[in-house]
Amino acid sequence: MTNTTYNGRITIQWPFSMKSGYMSSLNQCVELQSGLTFKQAIGFIETFNWKIESEKRTENYGLSLLKEDDDDNFMRCIIFPLEGSSFTIDLIVVNKRNRKGFWDSATISINLGEFRENELEKAISVLNKYSVTRLYKKYKSKSIEIRNTRYLYVMLTLMSISTVGLFMHEWIKPLLSLTFEVRLFLILSYVGGPISVFFLFTNVRVHLSHSKRLVMFGSIIIGPVFVGLLCFGLVTPLHLLFSTPATQIELVSSISRDFSGNLRGGCSGLVRVASISTPTSERGLCNVPEKMWKRLKVGDRLLLEGMRSPMAFTFNKIELLEK
């Protein structure tokens, strides 16, 4: 923003684009009217030729009404013309003076809805009725609710994909790559888990009592499990999308005592294998043919042919190599 005398008056900016952000400089606007009272601002809007001005623009530009206490505390209504004689209004309030901590957002942004031209004065009357602080408090909870709803939709989408991925994993039983199972999986679980819980905590903290905050801290224990399952469920879909034909050799490190998989591992023909370069890191290879499974011994080498991705390997042909 440019240097302005903060006298509670309204500054009108046209054209105003949300692409340049609510902190865009005043001198980026072609037309500028400052020092207006609310009635003067309404008079400007009533005489503004929306049709002619809108036709000059190839993008969705709006008319901004800005009321500032200072650079860090202000409110802005942005009127965007729609088809016909209707408008949509976005409200942005920045109130840094009452920010309680790094977890507390100083900015709220909500859409007030659609209005006819004769309803604009009533719709933007918040600029006249409220101070920056009061307006921020009025819409803060609604803004948080909208933001958390978006986060919830994202999480539900990821969890849905992950759930499908877990079923696919149980059906296909891919051999997880050493990088994913031993390294990346642990990093995502024990680093990503606490981060995700902390992220959730910072967004809902303002609504929690002291006892409920303790519950949130306790959920850090659940965080790694949640993130781990999420990442594990995405392995098979990502593997199927990005895998390419390949071969690899695995070293047999142990063999299950039961071919059907009832005793260990939960899959038939289970063999624990390790990379020749890293023999101490075991992974589970499922669906080894029964005849071969009965012949295997610790130390045998298996040649796998199939599809490989950075996350896993699925074989369509397996061969026991001679020592």
Protein backbone atom coordinates (compact mmCIF):
# COMPACT_ATOMS: atom_id res chain seq x y z
CA MET A 1 0.00 0.00 0.00
CA THR A 2 1.08 3.56 -0.49
CA ASN A 3 1.33 6.15 2.21
CA THR A 4 -2.19 7.17 3.17
CA THR A 5 -3.76 9.42 5.75
CA TYR A 6 -5.72 7.02 7.95
CA ASN A 7 -8.79 9.04 8.82
CA GLY A 8 -11.48 6.36 8.59
CA ARG A 9 -12.41 7.49 5.08
CA ILE A 10 -12.97 5.15 2.14
CA THR A 11 -10.70 4.73 -0.87
CA ILE A 12 -12.22 3.39 -4.09
CA GLN A 13 -9.99 1.53 -6.52
CA TRP A 14 -10.89 0.49 -10.06
CA PRO A 15 -10.03 -1.85 -11.64
CA PHE A 16 -9.03 -4.21 -8.85
CA SER A 17 -7.96 -7.79 -9.58
CA MET A 18 -7.78 -10.53 -6.95
CA LYS A 19 -4.87 -11.97 -8.93
CA SER A 20 -2.71 -9.13 -7.66
CA GLY A 21 -3.84 -9.83 -4.08
CA TYR A 22 -5.51 -7.75 -1.42
CA MET A 23 -2.16 -6.12 -0.57
CA SER A 24 -1.74 -4.71 -4.08
CA SER A 25 -0.51 -1.16 -4.32
CA LEU A 26 -3.01 1.64 -4.86
CA ASN A 27 -1.05 2.96 -7.83
CA GLN A 28 -1.71 -0.29 -9.72
CA CYS A 29 -5.31 0.84 -10.21
CA VAL A 30 -6.35 2.97 -13.16
CA GLU A 31 -8.91 4.97 -11.22
CA LEU A 32 -8.63 6.11 -7.63
CA GLN A 33 -11.02 8.06 -5.39
CA SER A 34 -9.86 8.63 -1.83
CA GLY A 35 -11.01 10.43 1.29
CA LEU A 36 -14.68 9.57 0.72
CA THR A 37 -17.36 9.26 3.35
CA PHE A 38 -19.61 6.22 3.17
CA LYS A 39 -22.41 8.24 1.53
CA GLN A 40 -19.96 9.62 -1.04
CA ALA A 41 -18.73 6.10 -1.79
CA ILE A 42 -22.31 4.93 -2.31
CA GLY A 43 -22.92 7.88 -4.61
CA PHE A 44 -19.86 6.91 -6.66
CA ILE A 45 -21.15 3.33 -6.99
CA GLU A 46 -24.65 4.47 -8.00
CA THR A 47 -23.27 6.61 -10.84
CA PHE A 48 -20.65 4.09 -11.90
CA ASN A 49 -21.25 2.69 -15.39
CA TRP A 50 -20.65 -0.99 -14.75
CA LYS A 51 -21.48 -2.14 -18.27
CA ILE A 52 -19.08 0.16 -20.10
CA GLU A 53 -16.24 -0.29 -17.60
CA SER A 54 -16.63 -4.08 -17.52
CA GLU A 55 -16.52 -4.32 -21.31
CA LYS A 56 -13.10 -2.64 -21.25
CA ARG A 57 -11.67 -5.52 -19.23
CA THR A 58 -10.80 -8.94 -20.57
CA GLU A 59 -10.51 -10.41 -17.06
CA ASN A 60 -12.74 -10.45 -13.99
CA TYR A 61 -11.97 -7.12 -12.37
CA GLY A 62 -13.82 -5.60 -9.46
CA LEU A 63 -14.35 -2.30 -7.73
CA SER A 64 -12.65 -2.14 -4.34
CA LEU A 65 -13.72 -0.07 -1.34
CA LEU A 66 -10.89 0.15 1.17
CA LYS A 67 -11.12 1.49 4.72
CA GLU A 68 -7.88 1.54 6.69
CA ASP A 69 -6.73 2.18 10.24
CA ASP A 70 -3.15 1.59 9.08
CA ASP A 71 -1.22 -0.69 6.74
CA ASP A 72 -1.74 -3.69 9.03
CA ASN A 73 -5.37 -3.12 9.95
CA PHE A 74 -7.96 -2.54 7.25
CA MET A 75 -11.12 -3.85 5.63
CA ARG A 76 -11.92 -4.13 1.97
CA CYS A 77 -15.10 -4.92 0.02
CA ILE A 78 -14.60 -5.94 -3.59
CA ILE A 79 -17.61 -5.78 -5.90
CA PHE A 80 -17.45 -8.03 -8.96
CA PRO A 81 -20.08 -7.55 -11.69
CA LEU A 82 -21.84 -10.69 -12.91
CA GLU A 83 -24.11 -11.26 -15.87
CA GLY A 84 -27.22 -9.16 -15.86
CA SER A 85 -27.56 -6.67 -13.03
CA SER A 86 -26.19 -8.81 -10.23
CA PHE A 87 -22.93 -8.61 -8.30
CA THR A 88 -20.86 -10.74 -5.97
CA ILE A 89 -18.99 -9.20 -3.05
CA ASP A 90 -15.83 -10.43 -1.36
CA LEU A 91 -14.90 -9.16 2.09
CA ILE A 92 -11.30 -9.08 3.28
CA VAL A 93 -10.33 -7.97 6.79
CA VAL A 94 -6.77 -7.73 8.07
CA ASN A 95 -6.45 -7.16 11.82
CA LYS A 96 -2.88 -7.73 12.95
CA ARG A 97 -3.21 -5.70 16.14
CA ASN A 98 -5.35 -8.42 17.76
CA ARG A 99 -3.34 -11.39 16.55
CA LYS A 100 -2.77 -13.67 19.56
CA GLY A 101 0.17 -15.67 18.26
CA PHE A 102 1.81 -17.24 15.21
CA TRP A 103 -1.03 -19.79 15.03
CA ASP A 104 -3.67 -17.08 14.76
CA SER A 105 -4.42 -15.80 11.26
CA ALA A 106 -4.67 -12.02 11.01
CA THR A 107 -6.62 -12.20 7.74
CA ILE A 108 -10.13 -13.35 6.98
CA SER A 109 -11.59 -13.59 3.49
CA ILE A 110 -15.18 -14.55 2.79
CA ASN A 111 -17.74 -14.09 0.06
CA LEU A 112 -20.79 -12.15 1.22
CA GLY A 113 -22.96 -13.53 -1.59
CA GLU A 114 -24.74 -12.25 -4.69
CA PHE A 115 -26.72 -9.03 -4.73
CA ARG A 116 -28.79 -6.90 -7.09
CA GLU A 117 -27.65 -3.37 -7.83
CA ASN A 118 -30.22 -1.87 -5.46
CA GLU A 119 -28.90 -4.10 -2.63
CA LEU A 120 -25.25 -2.99 -2.83
CA GLU A 121 -25.53 -0.25 -0.22
CA LYS A 122 -26.91 -2.62 2.38
CA ALA A 123 -24.36 -5.32 1.47
CA ILE A 124 -21.32 -3.08 1.95
CA SER A 125 -22.73 -1.21 4.95
CA VAL A 126 -20.34 -3.24 7.14
CA LEU A 127 -17.69 -0.67 6.16
CA ASN A 128 -19.78 1.99 7.87
CA LYS A 129 -21.21 0.02 10.82
CA TYR A 130 -18.09 -1.73 12.11
CA SER A 131 -14.55 -0.95 13.06
CA VAL A 132 -11.79 -3.21 11.71
CA THR A 133 -11.57 -5.06 15.03
CA ARG A 134 -15.32 -5.61 15.37
CA LEU A 135 -15.69 -6.74 11.77
CA TYR A 136 -12.77 -9.14 12.19
CA LYS A 137 -14.35 -10.67 15.29
CA LYS A 138 -17.75 -10.87 13.59
CA TYR A 139 -16.54 -12.99 10.66
CA LYS A 140 -13.53 -14.76 12.14
CA SER A 141 -15.36 -17.91 13.23
CA LYS A 142 -17.13 -18.17 9.86
CA SER A 143 -13.84 -17.77 8.01
CA ILE A 144 -12.21 -20.49 10.12
CA GLU A 145 -15.21 -22.76 9.52
CA ILE A 146 -14.94 -22.30 5.73
CA ARG A 147 -11.18 -22.90 5.78
CA ASN A 148 -11.46 -26.01 7.96
CA THR A 149 -14.24 -27.34 5.71
CA ARG A 150 -11.88 -27.07 2.75
CA TYR A 151 -9.18 -28.89 4.70
CA LEU A 152 -11.71 -31.57 5.61
CA TYR A 153 -12.69 -32.09 1.98
CA VAL A 154 -9.02 -32.47 1.03
CA MET A 155 -8.43 -34.96 3.84
CA LEU A 156 -11.57 -36.95 3.02
CA THR A 157 -10.50 -37.13 -0.63
CA LEU A 158 -7.04 -38.37 0.33
CA MET A 159 -8.48 -40.86 2.79
CA SER A 160 -10.92 -42.18 0.16
CA ILE A 161 -8.10 -42.70 -2.32
CA SER A 162 -5.98 -44.23 0.42
CA THR A 163 -8.76 -46.63 1.46
CA VAL A 164 -9.17 -47.83 -2.13
CA GLY A 165 -5.38 -48.12 -2.30
CA LEU A 166 -5.30 -50.34 0.78
CA PHE A 167 -7.79 -52.74 -0.83
CA MET A 168 -5.72 -52.71 -4.02
CA HIS A 169 -2.61 -53.41 -1.96
CA GLU A 170 -4.24 -56.44 -0.34
CA TRP A 171 -5.25 -57.73 -3.76
CA ILE A 172 -1.98 -57.11 -5.65
CA LYS A 173 0.48 -57.55 -2.76
CA PRO A 174 3.37 -55.57 -4.30
CA LEU A 175 6.93 -55.91 -3.00
CA LEU A 176 7.65 -52.55 -1.40
CA SER A 177 10.88 -50.88 -2.41
CA LEU A 178 13.66 -50.61 0.12
CA THR A 179 13.58 -46.82 -0.08
CA PHE A 180 9.89 -46.58 0.70
CA GLU A 181 9.47 -49.28 3.36
CA VAL A 182 12.63 -48.67 5.36
CA ARG A 183 13.32 -44.98 4.95
CA LEU A 184 10.52 -42.89 3.46
CA PHE A 185 7.74 -44.70 5.31
CA LEU A 186 9.36 -43.98 8.69
CA ILE A 187 10.06 -40.37 7.80
CA LEU A 188 6.49 -39.76 6.64
CA SER A 189 5.06 -41.46 9.72
CA TYR A 190 7.17 -40.01 12.52
CA VAL A 191 7.82 -36.59 11.02
CA GLY A 192 4.67 -36.05 8.96
CA GLY A 193 2.41 -37.32 11.73
CA PRO A 194 3.30 -34.75 14.39
CA ILE A 195 3.37 -32.01 11.77
CA SER A 196 -0.16 -32.86 10.61
CA VAL A 197 -1.48 -32.91 14.18
CA PHE A 198 0.25 -29.61 14.91
CA PHE A 199 -1.31 -28.16 11.75
CA LEU A 200 -4.73 -29.32 12.87
CA PHE A 201 -4.13 -27.96 16.37
CA THR A 202 -3.24 -24.48 15.10
CA ASN A 203 -6.51 -24.30 13.15
CA VAL A 204 -8.93 -25.40 15.87
CA ARG A 205 -7.09 -24.19 18.95
CA VAL A 206 -9.21 -21.10 19.39
CA HIS A 207 -12.31 -23.24 19.95
CA LEU A 208 -10.83 -25.70 22.45
CA SER A 209 -10.97 -25.68 26.22
CA HIS A 210 -7.85 -26.57 28.20
CA SER A 211 -8.90 -30.21 28.66
CA LYS A 212 -9.65 -30.63 24.97
CA ARG A 213 -6.25 -29.21 24.10
CA LEU A 214 -4.68 -31.98 26.15
CA VAL A 215 -6.64 -34.46 24.05
CA MET A 216 -5.24 -32.81 20.94
CA PHE A 217 -1.69 -33.16 22.27
CA GLY A 218 -2.42 -36.80 23.03
CA SER A 219 -3.48 -37.37 19.44
CA ILE A 220 0.13 -36.80 18.40
CA ILE A 221 0.56 -40.47 19.25
CA ILE A 222 -2.14 -41.30 16.69
CA GLY A 223 -0.70 -38.89 14.12
CA PRO A 224 2.13 -41.12 12.86
CA VAL A 225 -0.28 -44.04 12.47
CA PHE A 226 -2.74 -41.90 10.51
CA VAL A 227 -0.11 -40.46 8.16
CA GLY A 228 1.52 -43.87 7.81
CA LEU A 229 -1.75 -45.50 6.73
CA LEU A 230 -2.45 -42.61 4.37
CA CYS A 231 0.93 -42.96 2.68
CA PHE A 232 0.73 -46.75 2.67
CA GLY A 233 -2.65 -46.61 0.95
CA LEU A 234 -1.30 -44.39 -1.82
CA VAL A 235 1.57 -46.74 -2.67
CA THR A 236 -0.32 -49.16 -4.93
CA PRO A 237 -2.23 -46.54 -6.99
CA LEU A 238 0.97 -44.54 -7.50
CA HIS A 239 2.88 -47.71 -8.35
CA LEU A 240 0.35 -48.68 -11.01
CA LEU A 241 0.52 -45.18 -12.51
CA PHE A 242 4.31 -44.81 -12.65
CA SER A 243 5.70 -48.35 -12.96
CA THR A 244 7.79 -49.51 -15.93
CA PRO A 245 9.04 -52.96 -17.03
CA ALA A 246 12.09 -54.06 -15.05
CA THR A 247 13.94 -56.97 -13.44
CA GLN A 248 15.63 -57.24 -10.06
CA ILE A 249 17.35 -59.83 -7.92
CA GLU A 250 16.34 -60.46 -4.31
CA LEU A 251 18.06 -62.55 -1.63
CA VAL A 252 15.93 -64.95 0.46
CA SER A 253 16.45 -64.12 4.14
CA SER A 254 13.65 -66.18 5.74
CA ILE A 255 10.66 -68.32 4.77
CA SER A 256 7.28 -68.50 6.47
CA ARG A 257 6.40 -71.79 8.11
CA ASP A 258 2.95 -71.87 6.56
CA PHE A 259 2.38 -71.42 2.82
CA SER A 260 -1.19 -70.23 3.26
CA GLY A 261 -0.02 -67.26 5.31
CA ASN A 262 -2.13 -67.99 8.39
CA LEU A 263 0.87 -67.92 10.72
CA ARG A 264 2.80 -64.94 9.49
CA GLY A 265 2.41 -62.05 7.16
CA GLY A 266 -1.18 -62.55 6.03
CA CYS A 267 -0.43 -63.71 2.44
CA SER A 268 0.20 -67.01 0.74
CA GLY A 269 3.68 -68.00 -0.42
CA LEU A 270 5.35 -65.43 1.82
CA VAL A 271 9.12 -65.13 1.63
CA ARG A 272 11.18 -62.49 3.39
CA VAL A 273 13.70 -61.07 0.94
CA ALA A 274 16.46 -58.51 1.11
CA SER A 275 18.43 -56.53 -1.41
CA ILE A 276 21.86 -58.00 -2.14
CA SER A 277 23.40 -54.63 -1.44
CA THR A 278 21.50 -54.29 1.88
CA PRO A 279 20.98 -57.84 3.24
CA THR A 280 19.85 -56.66 6.71
CA SER A 281 16.72 -54.91 5.39
CA GLU A 282 13.92 -57.45 4.93
CA ARG A 283 10.72 -57.02 2.97
CA GLY A 284 7.80 -59.37 2.38
CA LEU A 285 7.41 -61.00 -1.03
CA CYS A 286 3.97 -62.61 -1.44
CA ASN A 287 2.47 -65.09 -3.89
CA VAL A 288 5.59 -67.13 -4.53
CA PRO A 289 4.45 -70.33 -6.38
CA GLU A 290 4.03 -73.25 -3.96
CA LYS A 291 6.41 -75.58 -5.78
CA MET A 292 9.17 -72.98 -5.68
CA TRP A 293 8.32 -71.95 -2.12
CA LYS A 294 8.87 -75.53 -0.92
CA ARG A 295 12.32 -75.64 -2.56
CA LEU A 296 13.60 -72.32 -1.25
CA LYS A 297 16.35 -72.00 1.33
CA VAL A 298 17.83 -69.02 3.11
CA GLY A 299 20.47 -67.50 0.87
CA ASP A 300 18.78 -68.38 -2.42
CA ARG A 301 18.58 -65.70 -5.08
CA LEU A 302 15.35 -64.88 -6.91
CA LEU A 303 15.13 -63.15 -10.27
CA LEU A 304 11.94 -61.12 -10.53
CA GLU A 305 10.52 -59.83 -13.80
CA GLY A 306 7.65 -57.39 -13.80
CA MET A 307 6.83 -53.72 -13.22
CA ARG A 308 8.88 -51.40 -10.99
CA SER A 309 8.25 -47.93 -9.61
CA PRO A 310 10.06 -45.91 -6.93
CA MET A 311 7.54 -47.28 -4.41
CA ALA A 312 7.18 -50.99 -5.22
CA PHE A 313 7.66 -53.93 -7.56
CA THR A 314 5.06 -56.37 -8.89
CA PHE A 315 6.32 -59.52 -10.59
CA ASN A 316 4.70 -61.58 -13.31
CA LYS A 317 7.58 -64.05 -13.54
CA ILE A 318 9.88 -65.39 -10.85
CA GLU A 319 12.94 -67.61 -11.30
CA LEU A 320 15.28 -69.31 -8.83
CA LEU A 321 18.88 -68.57 -9.77
CA GLU A 322 21.54 -71.18 -9.43
CA LYS A 323 24.31 -70.37 -7.00
